[in-house]
Structure formats: structure tokens, C-alpha cells
C-alpha atoms as a PDB file:
ATOM      1  CA  MET A   1     138.568  24.780  49.697  1.00  0.00           C
ATOM      2  CA  THR A   2     139.487  21.926  47.375  1.00  0.00           C
ATOM      3  CA  PRO A   3     138.555  18.278  47.968  1.00  0.00           C
ATOM      4  CA  ASP A   4     142.224  17.551  48.770  1.00  0.00           C
ATOM      5  CA  GLN A   5     142.399  20.274  51.409  1.00  0.00           C
ATOM      6  CA  LEU A   6     139.158  19.210  53.063  1.00  0.00           C
ATOM      7  CA  SER A   7     140.298  15.596  52.960  1.00  0.00           C
ATOM      8  CA  VAL A   8     143.514  16.456  54.817  1.00  0.00           C
ATOM      9  CA  VAL A   9     141.576  18.243  57.553  1.00  0.00           C
ATOM     10  CA  VAL A  10     139.022  15.443  57.925  1.00  0.00           C
ATOM     11  CA  ARG A  11     141.750  12.763  57.897  1.00  0.00           C
ATOM     12  CA  THR A  12     143.768  14.584  60.548  1.00  0.00           C
ATOM     13  CA  VAL A  13     140.801  14.944  62.884  1.00  0.00           C
ATOM     14  CA  SER A  14     139.691  11.347  62.204  1.00  0.00           C
ATOM     15  CA  LEU A  15     143.119  10.021  63.165  1.00  0.00           C
ATOM     16  CA  VAL A  16     143.121  12.074  66.369  1.00  0.00           C
ATOM     17  CA  ALA A  17     139.698  10.637  67.254  1.00  0.00           C
ATOM     18  CA  LEU A  18     140.779   7.093  66.338  1.00  0.00           C
ATOM     19  CA  TYR A  19     143.969   7.278  68.408  1.00  0.00           C
ATOM     20  CA  GLN A  20     142.089   8.842  71.329  1.00  0.00           C
ATOM     21  CA  ALA A  21     139.424   6.117  71.279  1.00  0.00           C
ATOM     22  CA  VAL A  22     141.990   3.330  70.978  1.00  0.00           C
ATOM     23  CA  GLY A  23     144.186   4.870  73.673  1.00  0.00           C
ATOM     24  CA  ALA A  24     141.281   5.317  76.099  1.00  0.00           C
ATOM     25  CA  THR A  25     140.240   1.717  75.514  1.00  0.00           C
ATOM     26  CA  PHE A  26     143.711   0.318  76.153  1.00  0.00           C
ATOM     27  CA  PHE A  27     144.136   2.580  79.182  1.00  0.00           C
ATOM     28  CA  LEU A  28     140.859   1.329  80.666  1.00  0.00           C
ATOM     29  CA  ALA A  29     141.767  -2.278  79.901  1.00  0.00           C
ATOM     30  CA  LEU A  30     145.068  -1.896  81.736  1.00  0.00           C
ATOM     31  CA  PHE A  31     144.150   0.376  84.646  1.00  0.00           C
ATOM     32  CA  ASP A  32     140.369   0.109  85.158  1.00  0.00           C
ATOM     33  CA  ALA A  33     140.747  -1.578  88.542  1.00  0.00           C
ATOM     34  CA  SER A  34     142.927   1.285  89.795  1.00  0.00           C
ATOM     35  CA  LEU A  35     140.639   4.073  88.646  1.00  0.00           C
ATOM     36  CA  SER A  36     137.957   5.530  90.855  1.00  0.00           C
ATOM     37  CA  ARG A  37     137.100   9.111  90.016  1.00  0.00           C
ATOM     38  CA  SER A  38     138.397   9.254  86.436  1.00  0.00           C
ATOM     39  CA  ARG A  39     136.933   5.957  85.121  1.00  0.00           C
ATOM     40  CA  LEU A  40     133.640   7.484  83.964  1.00  0.00           C
ATOM     41  CA  GLY A  41     135.320  10.497  82.338  1.00  0.00           C
ATOM     42  CA  ILE A  42     137.810   8.339  80.440  1.00  0.00           C
ATOM     43  CA  ARG A  43     135.004   6.021  79.325  1.00  0.00           C
ATOM     44  CA  ARG A  44     132.948   8.988  78.079  1.00  0.00           C
ATOM     45  CA  LEU A  45     135.955  10.369  76.228  1.00  0.00           C
ATOM     46  CA  GLY A  46     136.514   6.976  74.594  1.00  0.00           C
ATOM     47  CA  ILE A  47     132.853   6.687  73.558  1.00  0.00           C
ATOM     48  CA  LEU A  48     132.742  10.215  72.153  1.00  0.00           C
ATOM     49  CA  SER A  49     136.048   9.729  70.337  1.00  0.00           C
ATOM     50  CA  ALA A  50     134.954   6.381  68.910  1.00  0.00           C
ATOM     51  CA  PHE A  51     131.703   7.648  67.439  1.00  0.00           C
ATOM     52  CA  ALA A  52     133.245  10.923  66.228  1.00  0.00           C
ATOM     53  CA  GLY A  53     136.044   8.903  64.656  1.00  0.00           C
ATOM     54  CA  LEU A  54     133.525   6.571  63.030  1.00  0.00           C
ATOM     55  CA  VAL A  55     131.727   9.467  61.352  1.00  0.00           C
ATOM     56  CA  LEU A  56     134.986  11.127  60.313  1.00  0.00           C
ATOM     57  CA  VAL A  57     136.525   7.917  58.917  1.00  0.00           C
ATOM     58  CA  LEU A  58     133.434   7.343  56.774  1.00  0.00           C
ATOM     59  CA  ALA A  59     133.427  11.000  55.691  1.00  0.00           C
ATOM     60  CA  HIS A  60     137.088  10.813  54.729  1.00  0.00           C
ATOM     61  CA  GLN A  61     136.541   7.716  52.634  1.00  0.00           C
ATOM     62  CA  THR A  62     133.590   9.351  50.890  1.00  0.00           C
ATOM     63  CA  LEU A  63     135.771  12.371  50.156  1.00  0.00           C
ATOM     64  CA  ASP A  64     138.111  10.087  48.202  1.00  0.00           C
ATOM     65  CA  ALA A  65     135.564  10.120  45.377  1.00  0.00           C
ATOM     66  CA  ALA A  66     135.782  13.923  45.254  1.00  0.00           C
ATOM     67  CA  ARG A  67     139.562  13.749  45.415  1.00  0.00           C
ATOM     68  CA  LEU A  68     139.691  11.305  42.494  1.00  0.00           C
ATOM     69  CA  ALA A  69     137.588  13.636  40.356  1.00  0.00           C
ATOM     70  CA  ASP A  70     138.951  16.858  41.876  1.00  0.00           C
ATOM     71  CA  ASP A  71     135.330  17.956  42.170  1.00  0.00           C
ATOM     72  CA  PHE A  72     132.818  17.839  45.016  1.00  0.00           C
ATOM     73  CA  ASN A  73     130.124  16.786  42.527  1.00  0.00           C
ATOM     74  CA  ALA A  74     131.672  13.315  42.585  1.00  0.00           C
ATOM     75  CA  LEU A  75     130.182  12.880  46.063  1.00  0.00           C
ATOM     76  CA  THR A  76     126.891  12.109  44.323  1.00  0.00           C
ATOM     77  CA  ASP A  77     128.433   9.996  41.556  1.00  0.00           C
ATOM     78  CA  GLY A  78     127.803   6.330  42.312  1.00  0.00           C
ATOM     79  CA  ALA A  79     130.595   5.113  40.051  1.00  0.00           C
ATOM     80  CA  MET A  80     133.191   7.357  41.710  1.00  0.00           C
ATOM     81  CA  LEU A  81     132.002   6.384  45.184  1.00  0.00           C
ATOM     82  CA  GLN A  82     132.194   2.709  44.246  1.00  0.00           C
ATOM     83  CA  LEU A  83     135.700   3.175  42.856  1.00  0.00           C
ATOM     84  CA  ALA A  84     136.806   4.875  46.073  1.00  0.00           C
ATOM     85  CA  TRP A  85     135.319   2.164  48.299  1.00  0.00           C
ATOM     86  CA  GLN A  86     136.864  -0.653  46.270  1.00  0.00           C
ATOM     87  CA  SER A  87     140.394   0.636  46.857  1.00  0.00           C
ATOM     88  CA  SER A  88     142.720  -0.506  49.629  1.00  0.00           C
ATOM     89  CA  SER A  89     141.824   2.741  51.354  1.00  0.00           C
ATOM     90  CA  GLY A  90     138.181   1.660  51.333  1.00  0.00           C
ATOM     91  CA  THR A  91     139.088  -1.639  52.977  1.00  0.00           C
ATOM     92  CA  ALA A  92     141.190   0.110  55.612  1.00  0.00           C
ATOM     93  CA  HIS A  93     138.474   2.661  56.357  1.00  0.00           C
ATOM     94  CA  ALA A  94     135.815  -0.051  56.595  1.00  0.00           C
ATOM     95  CA  ALA A  95     137.972  -1.936  59.115  1.00  0.00           C
ATOM     96  CA  GLN A  96     138.621   1.275  61.068  1.00  0.00           C
ATOM     97  CA  ALA A  97     134.889   2.025  61.136  1.00  0.00           C
ATOM     98  CA  LEU A  98     134.095  -1.503  62.311  1.00  0.00           C
ATOM     99  CA  GLY A  99     136.750  -1.267  65.014  1.00  0.00           C
ATOM    100  CA  LEU A 100     135.566   2.142  66.199  1.00  0.00           C
ATOM    101  CA  ALA A 101     131.974   0.903  66.354  1.00  0.00           C
ATOM    102  CA  GLY A 102     133.183  -1.976  68.527  1.00  0.00           C
ATOM    103  CA  VAL A 103     135.033   0.445  70.781  1.00  0.00           C
ATOM    104  CA  GLY A 104     132.009   2.711  71.164  1.00  0.00           C
ATOM    105  CA  VAL A 105     129.523  -0.073  71.851  1.00  0.00           C
ATOM    106  CA  GLY A 106     131.963  -1.949  74.077  1.00  0.00           C
ATOM    107  CA  LEU A 107     132.640   1.099  76.229  1.00  0.00           C
ATOM    108  CA  ILE A 108     128.903   1.745  76.562  1.00  0.00           C
ATOM    109  CA  VAL A 109     128.274  -1.838  77.754  1.00  0.00           C
ATOM    110  CA  ALA A 110     131.099  -1.441  80.300  1.00  0.00           C
ATOM    111  CA  GLN A 111     131.055  -5.027  81.572  1.00  0.00           C
ATOM    112  CA  ARG A 112     133.494  -7.838  80.853  1.00  0.00           C
ATOM    113  CA  ALA A 113     131.888  -8.555  77.456  1.00  0.00           C
ATOM    114  CA  GLY A 114     131.919  -4.842  76.673  1.00  0.00           C
ATOM    115  CA  SER A 115     135.554  -4.560  77.647  1.00  0.00           C
ATOM    116  CA  LEU A 116     136.426  -7.476  75.382  1.00  0.00           C
ATOM    117  CA  LEU A 117     134.446  -5.951  72.497  1.00  0.00           C
ATOM    118  CA  ALA A 118     136.069  -2.542  73.018  1.00  0.00           C
ATOM    119  CA  THR A 119     139.583  -3.993  73.201  1.00  0.00           C
ATOM    120  CA  THR A 120     139.027  -6.149  70.117  1.00  0.00           C
ATOM    121  CA  GLY A 121     137.603  -3.130  68.273  1.00  0.00           C
ATOM    122  CA  ALA A 122     140.599  -1.034  69.310  1.00  0.00           C
ATOM    123  CA  CYS A 123     142.976  -3.667  67.942  1.00  0.00           C
ATOM    124  CA  VAL A 124     141.033  -3.862  64.659  1.00  0.00           C
ATOM    125  CA  ALA A 125     140.958  -0.061  64.288  1.00  0.00           C
ATOM    126  CA  ALA A 126     144.672   0.288  65.002  1.00  0.00           C
ATOM    127  CA  LEU A 127     145.755  -2.597  62.771  1.00  0.00           C
ATOM    128  CA  ALA A 128     143.519  -1.403  59.930  1.00  0.00           C
ATOM    129  CA  LEU A 129     146.091   1.313  59.277  1.00  0.00           C
ATOM    130  CA  LEU A 130     148.336  -1.431  57.861  1.00  0.00           C
ATOM    131  CA  LEU A 131     145.856  -2.222  55.076  1.00  0.00           C
ATOM    132  CA  THR A 132     146.720   0.788  52.943  1.00  0.00           C
ATOM    133  CA  GLY A 133     149.651   2.945  51.989  1.00  0.00           C
ATOM    134  CA  HIS A 134     153.242   1.908  51.457  1.00  0.00           C
ATOM    135  CA  SER A 135     153.033  -0.873  54.011  1.00  0.00           C
ATOM    136  CA  SER A 136     150.268  -2.626  52.061  1.00  0.00           C
ATOM    137  CA  ILE A 137     152.405  -3.175  48.956  1.00  0.00           C
ATOM    138  CA  HIS A 138     155.843  -3.772  50.443  1.00  0.00           C
ATOM    139  CA  PRO A 139     156.879  -7.444  50.089  1.00  0.00           C
ATOM    140  CA  LEU A 140     158.245  -7.557  53.664  1.00  0.00           C
ATOM    141  CA  ARG A 141     155.374  -5.700  55.312  1.00  0.00           C
ATOM    142  CA  TRP A 142     154.647  -8.401  57.881  1.00  0.00           C
END
């Protein structure tokens, strides 16, 4: 498997985890008062998705160094890792990781402050997708 192929798989799974964590958070924020039996299960799913997504987002960003060099040995090359993290992709992944951490911790706390942290983290994680790709360089992106 090449670095590009592994990167596609990791990115796909990381996006599924990110969207699941963000979706669970927004669902709980909107319908928590109406939930009785499913509240705990949805919260657990959100926590698991957030922390899985956090690991996968960081792994995907690290794989960018291997993709740049087309060699897995670049994963231990400090200069290549630094180059990957200094890109717009690095900024987006850092924001996604921060948002997912907020979601995970906020859902664990499960009180009003936790709900606010989780919802803020979900917004950060979702909006971080705008920091890279075609939308980041288009003059009318906003």
C-alpha cells in the first residue's frame, strides 16, 4: 500500500468519525430534553467518534509527510513533518483536532458547561474544513 492509498483510507474514516461526533453533538444539543433511553447511547457514540476522529485526523496529517515524499520513511523525517504541518492542511487538521477534543471532553462532562464545550468544539471541527482545499484560496470563499 502506498502512502497515498493509506492516506485516502485514513481520511475517509476520519471524516466519518468527525461527522458522526459533530452530528451526535448537535443532535444532543437540539433534542436532549426529549431523549430518555437513547441519551446515554448517543453520548457514548459521540465520545467514541470524537476521540477516534481525533486520532485519525492527527494520523492523516502525519501521513501528509509520507505523501509528500512518496515514502513511509518520511514519517520519521522532522523536516518533512514540519513542512506538512505548516501547510493549510496542517492548520485545518489542528483545528479539527481541537474541535474534536472539545466534543469528546464536553460530552463526558455532560452538564451545561460540557454541552457548551461540545457544541463549540463541533462548530470548530466542522468549520475547520473551510481552512483548506479550493475554498481556502477562492477570493469569494466567505
